[in-house]
Amino acid sequence: MKNQDLTYLNSLAISCLATGLVDTAQPAFEMISEAAPGNAAGPIGLASVELARGNYNGACEILQGASEELKGDSERTRNILMQALVASNKLDEADDLRSSLMELDAANDDHEYLVQAHKFFGTGDPRALQG
């Protein structure tokens, strides 16, 4: 499948998911996963389908099982995984994920990374967001 076709299929599947057509989105994300195994869109989409269905443990399993594919889209993956962990009441794992991200923030001291972490978690040093 061509890259352009994958992009179109992913856009279509995301639109289906956004409008509540969860059962229609799933086969499209499965096709993406099969056609482009190294592409993060498939596992992220399938995990999003599971979140929409309320199967938070399933979403966690998908994301944790596809770690190699997800390296290229780590921010979106972390957001979905954090939602799934919290929703499935795996608070210790969610806290571990947040702690590891905060350690990365401190180690990198990169302004944009801190801004993104602050937006997502509502934590961090607000002074780092200035100037």
N, C-alpha and C. Protein backbone atom coordinates (compact mmCIF):
# COMPACT_ATOMS: atom_id res chain seq x y z
N MET A 1 0.85 -1.18 0.00
CA MET A 1 0.00 0.00 0.00
C MET A 1 0.90 1.24 0.00
N LYS A 2 0.57 2.20 -0.85
CA LYS A 2 1.34 3.43 -0.96
C LYS A 2 1.16 4.29 0.29
N ASN A 3 2.15 5.13 0.54
CA ASN A 3 2.10 6.02 1.69
C ASN A 3 0.88 6.94 1.63
N GLN A 4 0.55 7.41 0.44
CA GLN A 4 -0.61 8.29 0.26
C GLN A 4 -1.90 7.55 0.63
N ASP A 5 -1.99 6.27 0.25
CA ASP A 5 -3.16 5.47 0.59
C ASP A 5 -3.27 5.25 2.10
N LEU A 6 -2.12 5.02 2.75
CA LEU A 6 -2.11 4.85 4.20
C LEU A 6 -2.58 6.13 4.90
N THR A 7 -2.12 7.26 4.41
CA THR A 7 -2.53 8.54 4.99
C THR A 7 -4.02 8.76 4.85
N TYR A 8 -4.55 8.45 3.67
CA TYR A 8 -5.99 8.59 3.44
C TYR A 8 -6.77 7.65 4.35
N LEU A 9 -6.35 6.39 4.41
CA LEU A 9 -7.04 5.41 5.24
C LEU A 9 -7.00 5.81 6.72
N ASN A 10 -5.86 6.31 7.17
CA ASN A 10 -5.74 6.76 8.56
C ASN A 10 -6.68 7.95 8.83
N SER A 11 -6.72 8.90 7.90
CA SER A 11 -7.62 10.06 8.06
C SER A 11 -9.08 9.62 8.12
N LEU A 12 -9.43 8.68 7.25
CA LEU A 12 -10.79 8.15 7.23
C LEU A 12 -11.12 7.46 8.55
N ALA A 13 -10.21 6.64 9.04
CA ALA A 13 -10.43 5.90 10.29
C ALA A 13 -10.55 6.85 11.48
N ILE A 14 -9.72 7.86 11.51
CA ILE A 14 -9.78 8.85 12.60
C ILE A 14 -11.11 9.59 12.55
N SER A 15 -11.56 9.93 11.35
CA SER A 15 -12.86 10.60 11.20
C SER A 15 -13.99 9.71 11.69
N CYS A 16 -13.93 8.42 11.35
CA CYS A 16 -14.95 7.48 11.83
C CYS A 16 -14.94 7.41 13.35
N LEU A 17 -13.76 7.32 13.91
CA LEU A 17 -13.64 7.24 15.36
C LEU A 17 -14.18 8.51 16.03
N ALA A 18 -13.86 9.66 15.45
CA ALA A 18 -14.29 10.94 16.02
C ALA A 18 -15.80 11.12 15.96
N THR A 19 -16.44 10.48 15.00
CA THR A 19 -17.90 10.62 14.87
C THR A 19 -18.65 9.47 15.52
N GLY A 20 -17.93 8.61 16.24
CA GLY A 20 -18.57 7.53 16.97
C GLY A 20 -18.74 6.24 16.19
N LEU A 21 -18.20 6.17 14.99
CA LEU A 21 -18.29 4.95 14.18
C LEU A 21 -17.12 4.02 14.51
N VAL A 22 -17.08 3.59 15.74
CA VAL A 22 -15.95 2.81 16.26
C VAL A 22 -15.79 1.50 15.49
N ASP A 23 -16.89 0.81 15.23
CA ASP A 23 -16.81 -0.48 14.53
C ASP A 23 -16.33 -0.32 13.09
N THR A 24 -16.53 0.84 12.51
CA THR A 24 -16.05 1.11 11.16
C THR A 24 -14.56 1.47 11.16
N ALA A 25 -14.13 2.12 12.21
CA ALA A 25 -12.73 2.54 12.31
C ALA A 25 -11.79 1.36 12.52
N GLN A 26 -12.21 0.38 13.29
CA GLN A 26 -11.31 -0.72 13.64
C GLN A 26 -10.71 -1.44 12.43
N PRO A 27 -11.52 -1.88 11.43
CA PRO A 27 -10.92 -2.58 10.30
C PRO A 27 -9.90 -1.72 9.53
N ALA A 28 -10.15 -0.42 9.48
CA ALA A 28 -9.21 0.46 8.78
C ALA A 28 -7.87 0.50 9.51
N PHE A 29 -7.91 0.61 10.85
CA PHE A 29 -6.67 0.61 11.62
C PHE A 29 -5.97 -0.75 11.54
N GLU A 30 -6.76 -1.83 11.45
CA GLU A 30 -6.16 -3.16 11.28
C GLU A 30 -5.45 -3.26 9.94
N MET A 31 -6.07 -2.69 8.89
CA MET A 31 -5.43 -2.69 7.56
C MET A 31 -4.12 -1.92 7.59
N ILE A 32 -4.11 -0.80 8.29
CA ILE A 32 -2.88 0.00 8.41
C ILE A 32 -1.81 -0.82 9.12
N SER A 33 -2.19 -1.48 10.20
CA SER A 33 -1.22 -2.29 10.96
C SER A 33 -0.63 -3.40 10.11
N GLU A 34 -1.46 -4.04 9.29
CA GLU A 34 -0.98 -5.13 8.43
C GLU A 34 -0.14 -4.61 7.27
N ALA A 35 -0.57 -3.50 6.66
CA ALA A 35 0.12 -2.98 5.47
C ALA A 35 1.42 -2.26 5.82
N ALA A 36 1.49 -1.67 7.00
CA ALA A 36 2.68 -0.91 7.41
C ALA A 36 3.00 -1.24 8.86
N PRO A 37 3.60 -2.41 9.10
CA PRO A 37 3.85 -2.85 10.48
C PRO A 37 4.73 -1.91 11.30
N GLY A 38 5.55 -1.12 10.67
CA GLY A 38 6.40 -0.19 11.41
C GLY A 38 5.78 1.16 11.65
N ASN A 39 4.55 1.35 11.19
CA ASN A 39 3.87 2.64 11.29
C ASN A 39 3.09 2.70 12.60
N ALA A 40 3.25 3.80 13.33
CA ALA A 40 2.58 3.96 14.64
C ALA A 40 1.08 4.15 14.51
N ALA A 41 0.59 4.57 13.35
CA ALA A 41 -0.84 4.87 13.20
C ALA A 41 -1.72 3.67 13.48
N GLY A 42 -1.29 2.48 13.09
CA GLY A 42 -2.10 1.28 13.32
C GLY A 42 -2.32 0.99 14.79
N PRO A 43 -1.25 0.77 15.55
CA PRO A 43 -1.44 0.49 16.98
C PRO A 43 -2.09 1.63 17.76
N ILE A 44 -1.74 2.87 17.42
CA ILE A 44 -2.36 4.01 18.11
C ILE A 44 -3.86 4.04 17.81
N GLY A 45 -4.22 3.81 16.56
CA GLY A 45 -5.63 3.78 16.19
C GLY A 45 -6.38 2.65 16.87
N LEU A 46 -5.78 1.46 16.89
CA LEU A 46 -6.44 0.33 17.53
C LEU A 46 -6.60 0.56 19.03
N ALA A 47 -5.60 1.16 19.65
CA ALA A 47 -5.71 1.49 21.08
C ALA A 47 -6.80 2.54 21.30
N SER A 48 -6.91 3.49 20.39
CA SER A 48 -7.96 4.51 20.50
C SER A 48 -9.34 3.89 20.36
N VAL A 49 -9.46 2.88 19.50
CA VAL A 49 -10.73 2.15 19.36
C VAL A 49 -11.08 1.48 20.69
N GLU A 50 -10.10 0.85 21.30
CA GLU A 50 -10.35 0.18 22.59
C GLU A 50 -10.72 1.19 23.67
N LEU A 51 -10.08 2.35 23.67
CA LEU A 51 -10.45 3.41 24.62
C LEU A 51 -11.90 3.82 24.40
N ALA A 52 -12.29 4.00 23.14
CA ALA A 52 -13.65 4.42 22.83
C ALA A 52 -14.67 3.37 23.27
N ARG A 53 -14.28 2.12 23.27
CA ARG A 53 -15.17 1.04 23.70
C ARG A 53 -15.16 0.85 25.22
N GLY A 54 -14.26 1.55 25.89
CA GLY A 54 -14.16 1.38 27.34
C GLY A 54 -13.29 0.21 27.75
N ASN A 55 -12.55 -0.37 26.80
CA ASN A 55 -11.66 -1.48 27.09
C ASN A 55 -10.25 -0.92 27.33
N TYR A 56 -10.08 -0.35 28.51
CA TYR A 56 -8.83 0.34 28.83
C TYR A 56 -7.66 -0.62 28.95
N ASN A 57 -7.90 -1.80 29.50
CA ASN A 57 -6.83 -2.79 29.60
C ASN A 57 -6.37 -3.22 28.21
N GLY A 58 -7.32 -3.36 27.29
CA GLY A 58 -6.98 -3.72 25.91
C GLY A 58 -6.13 -2.65 25.25
N ALA A 59 -6.46 -1.39 25.51
CA ALA A 59 -5.67 -0.28 24.95
C ALA A 59 -4.25 -0.32 25.49
N CYS A 60 -4.11 -0.57 26.78
CA CYS A 60 -2.78 -0.67 27.38
C CYS A 60 -1.97 -1.80 26.75
N GLU A 61 -2.61 -2.96 26.58
CA GLU A 61 -1.93 -4.12 26.01
C GLU A 61 -1.45 -3.83 24.59
N ILE A 62 -2.28 -3.18 23.79
CA ILE A 62 -1.89 -2.86 22.41
C ILE A 62 -0.67 -1.96 22.41
N LEU A 63 -0.71 -0.90 23.20
CA LEU A 63 0.39 0.06 23.20
C LEU A 63 1.66 -0.53 23.79
N GLN A 64 1.53 -1.30 24.84
CA GLN A 64 2.71 -1.90 25.45
C GLN A 64 3.30 -3.00 24.58
N GLY A 65 2.46 -3.64 23.77
CA GLY A 65 2.93 -4.71 22.90
C GLY A 65 3.52 -4.22 21.59
N ALA A 66 3.34 -2.96 21.28
CA ALA A 66 3.81 -2.42 20.01
C ALA A 66 4.85 -1.33 20.22
N SER A 67 5.69 -1.49 21.22
CA SER A 67 6.61 -0.42 21.59
C SER A 67 7.58 -0.04 20.46
N GLU A 68 8.02 -0.99 19.66
CA GLU A 68 8.96 -0.67 18.57
C GLU A 68 8.32 0.23 17.53
N GLU A 69 7.08 -0.07 17.14
CA GLU A 69 6.39 0.72 16.13
C GLU A 69 6.08 2.13 16.62
N LEU A 70 5.95 2.29 17.91
CA LEU A 70 5.47 3.54 18.47
C LEU A 70 6.57 4.55 18.77
N LYS A 71 7.81 4.18 18.59
CA LYS A 71 8.90 5.10 18.90
C LYS A 71 8.83 6.38 18.10
N GLY A 72 8.33 6.32 16.89
CA GLY A 72 8.26 7.51 16.05
C GLY A 72 7.16 8.48 16.44
N ASP A 73 6.27 8.07 17.29
CA ASP A 73 5.15 8.94 17.69
C ASP A 73 4.96 8.83 19.20
N SER A 74 6.04 9.04 19.92
CA SER A 74 6.04 8.76 21.35
C SER A 74 5.13 9.69 22.15
N GLU A 75 5.00 10.93 21.75
CA GLU A 75 4.16 11.85 22.54
C GLU A 75 2.70 11.43 22.51
N ARG A 76 2.19 11.15 21.32
CA ARG A 76 0.80 10.72 21.21
C ARG A 76 0.58 9.38 21.90
N THR A 77 1.56 8.49 21.77
CA THR A 77 1.47 7.19 22.43
C THR A 77 1.39 7.34 23.93
N ARG A 78 2.26 8.19 24.49
CA ARG A 78 2.25 8.42 25.94
C ARG A 78 0.92 8.99 26.39
N ASN A 79 0.34 9.90 25.62
CA ASN A 79 -0.95 10.48 25.99
C ASN A 79 -2.03 9.40 26.06
N ILE A 80 -2.09 8.56 25.04
CA ILE A 80 -3.12 7.51 25.01
C ILE A 80 -2.86 6.48 26.10
N LEU A 81 -1.60 6.10 26.28
CA LEU A 81 -1.26 5.13 27.32
C LEU A 81 -1.60 5.68 28.69
N MET A 82 -1.31 6.95 28.93
CA MET A 82 -1.63 7.56 30.23
C MET A 82 -3.14 7.52 30.47
N GLN A 83 -3.92 7.88 29.46
CA GLN A 83 -5.39 7.83 29.59
C GLN A 83 -5.85 6.42 29.92
N ALA A 84 -5.30 5.44 29.20
CA ALA A 84 -5.72 4.06 29.40
C ALA A 84 -5.32 3.55 30.78
N LEU A 85 -4.13 3.90 31.24
CA LEU A 85 -3.68 3.45 32.56
C LEU A 85 -4.54 4.04 33.66
N VAL A 86 -4.82 5.33 33.56
CA VAL A 86 -5.64 5.98 34.58
C VAL A 86 -7.06 5.42 34.55
N ALA A 87 -7.63 5.28 33.36
CA ALA A 87 -9.00 4.79 33.23
C ALA A 87 -9.15 3.35 33.70
N SER A 88 -8.08 2.55 33.56
CA SER A 88 -8.15 1.16 34.01
C SER A 88 -7.69 1.01 35.46
N ASN A 89 -7.53 2.14 36.13
CA ASN A 89 -7.17 2.19 37.54
C ASN A 89 -5.79 1.57 37.81
N LYS A 90 -4.90 1.66 36.83
CA LYS A 90 -3.52 1.22 37.01
C LYS A 90 -2.70 2.46 37.37
N LEU A 91 -3.02 3.01 38.53
CA LEU A 91 -2.47 4.30 38.92
C LEU A 91 -0.98 4.23 39.22
N ASP A 92 -0.49 3.10 39.74
CA ASP A 92 0.94 2.97 39.99
C ASP A 92 1.73 3.03 38.68
N GLU A 93 1.23 2.34 37.66
CA GLU A 93 1.90 2.37 36.36
C GLU A 93 1.82 3.77 35.74
N ALA A 94 0.68 4.42 35.88
CA ALA A 94 0.53 5.79 35.36
C ALA A 94 1.49 6.73 36.08
N ASP A 95 1.63 6.55 37.38
CA ASP A 95 2.55 7.39 38.15
C ASP A 95 3.99 7.12 37.73
N ASP A 96 4.34 5.85 37.47
CA ASP A 96 5.69 5.52 36.99
C ASP A 96 5.97 6.18 35.66
N LEU A 97 4.97 6.15 34.76
CA LEU A 97 5.13 6.79 33.45
C LEU A 97 5.33 8.29 33.62
N ARG A 98 4.53 8.92 34.46
CA ARG A 98 4.67 10.35 34.67
C ARG A 98 6.03 10.67 35.29
N SER A 99 6.48 9.87 36.25
CA SER A 99 7.79 10.11 36.88
C SER A 99 8.92 10.01 35.87
N SER A 100 8.84 8.99 35.00
CA SER A 100 9.92 8.85 34.02
C SER A 100 9.94 10.02 33.05
N LEU A 101 8.77 10.55 32.70
CA LEU A 101 8.72 11.71 31.81
C LEU A 101 9.25 12.95 32.51
N MET A 102 8.96 13.08 33.79
CA MET A 102 9.47 14.23 34.54
C MET A 102 10.99 14.17 34.66
N GLU A 103 11.54 12.96 34.80
CA GLU A 103 12.99 12.81 34.82
C GLU A 103 13.59 13.23 33.49
N LEU A 104 12.93 12.87 32.39
CA LEU A 104 13.41 13.29 31.07
C LEU A 104 13.38 14.81 30.96
N ASP A 105 12.31 15.42 31.49
CA ASP A 105 12.22 16.88 31.48
C ASP A 105 13.43 17.49 32.18
N ALA A 106 13.73 16.98 33.35
CA ALA A 106 14.83 17.54 34.14
C ALA A 106 16.17 17.31 33.45
N ALA A 107 16.33 16.13 32.84
CA ALA A 107 17.60 15.81 32.20
C ALA A 107 17.82 16.63 30.93
N ASN A 108 16.77 16.85 30.16
CA ASN A 108 16.92 17.54 28.88
C ASN A 108 16.89 19.05 29.02
N ASP A 109 16.09 19.54 29.93
CA ASP A 109 15.93 20.97 30.14
C ASP A 109 15.67 21.70 28.82
N ASP A 110 14.90 21.07 27.96
CA ASP A 110 14.56 21.64 26.67
C ASP A 110 13.25 22.40 26.80
N HIS A 111 13.22 23.66 26.42
CA HIS A 111 12.06 24.52 26.65
C HIS A 111 10.78 23.93 26.04
N GLU A 112 10.82 23.51 24.81
CA GLU A 112 9.61 23.00 24.15
C GLU A 112 9.11 21.72 24.82
N TYR A 113 10.03 20.87 25.22
CA TYR A 113 9.63 19.62 25.88
C TYR A 113 8.94 19.94 27.20
N LEU A 114 9.46 20.90 27.94
CA LEU A 114 8.84 21.30 29.20
C LEU A 114 7.45 21.88 28.98
N VAL A 115 7.32 22.67 27.93
CA VAL A 115 6.01 23.26 27.62
C VAL A 115 5.00 22.15 27.36
N GLN A 116 5.38 21.18 26.54
CA GLN A 116 4.47 20.08 26.21
C GLN A 116 4.13 19.26 27.45
N ALA A 117 5.12 18.96 28.27
CA ALA A 117 4.87 18.19 29.49
C ALA A 117 3.94 18.95 30.43
N HIS A 118 4.15 20.26 30.52
CA HIS A 118 3.30 21.07 31.39
C HIS A 118 1.85 21.08 30.89
N LYS A 119 1.68 21.19 29.58
CA LYS A 119 0.33 21.17 29.01
C LYS A 119 -0.37 19.85 29.30
N PHE A 120 0.35 18.75 29.12
CA PHE A 120 -0.27 17.44 29.27
C PHE A 120 -0.54 17.09 30.72
N PHE A 121 0.45 17.30 31.58
CA PHE A 121 0.32 16.87 32.96
C PHE A 121 -0.19 17.95 33.90
N GLY A 122 -0.11 19.23 33.46
CA GLY A 122 -0.48 20.30 34.36
C GLY A 122 0.49 20.42 35.52
N THR A 123 1.73 20.01 35.28
CA THR A 123 2.75 20.07 36.32
C THR A 123 3.97 20.75 35.75
N GLY A 124 4.99 20.77 36.50
CA GLY A 124 6.25 21.36 36.05
C GLY A 124 6.42 22.75 36.62
N ASP A 125 7.54 23.31 36.38
CA ASP A 125 7.86 24.63 36.89
C ASP A 125 7.33 25.67 35.91
N PRO A 126 6.32 26.44 36.28
CA PRO A 126 5.75 27.42 35.36
C PRO A 126 6.78 28.45 34.90
N ARG A 127 7.83 28.66 35.70
CA ARG A 127 8.88 29.62 35.28
C ARG A 127 9.58 29.15 34.02
N ALA A 128 9.62 27.82 33.81
CA ALA A 128 10.27 27.27 32.61
C ALA A 128 9.48 27.60 31.36
N LEU A 129 8.22 27.94 31.52
CA LEU A 129 7.37 28.23 30.37
C LEU A 129 7.51 29.66 29.91
N GLN A 130 8.17 30.49 30.69
CA GLN A 130 8.32 31.90 30.36
C GLN A 130 9.64 32.11 29.62
N GLY A 131 9.56 32.97 28.61
CA GLY A 131 10.76 33.40 27.88
C GLY A 131 11.52 32.31 27.36
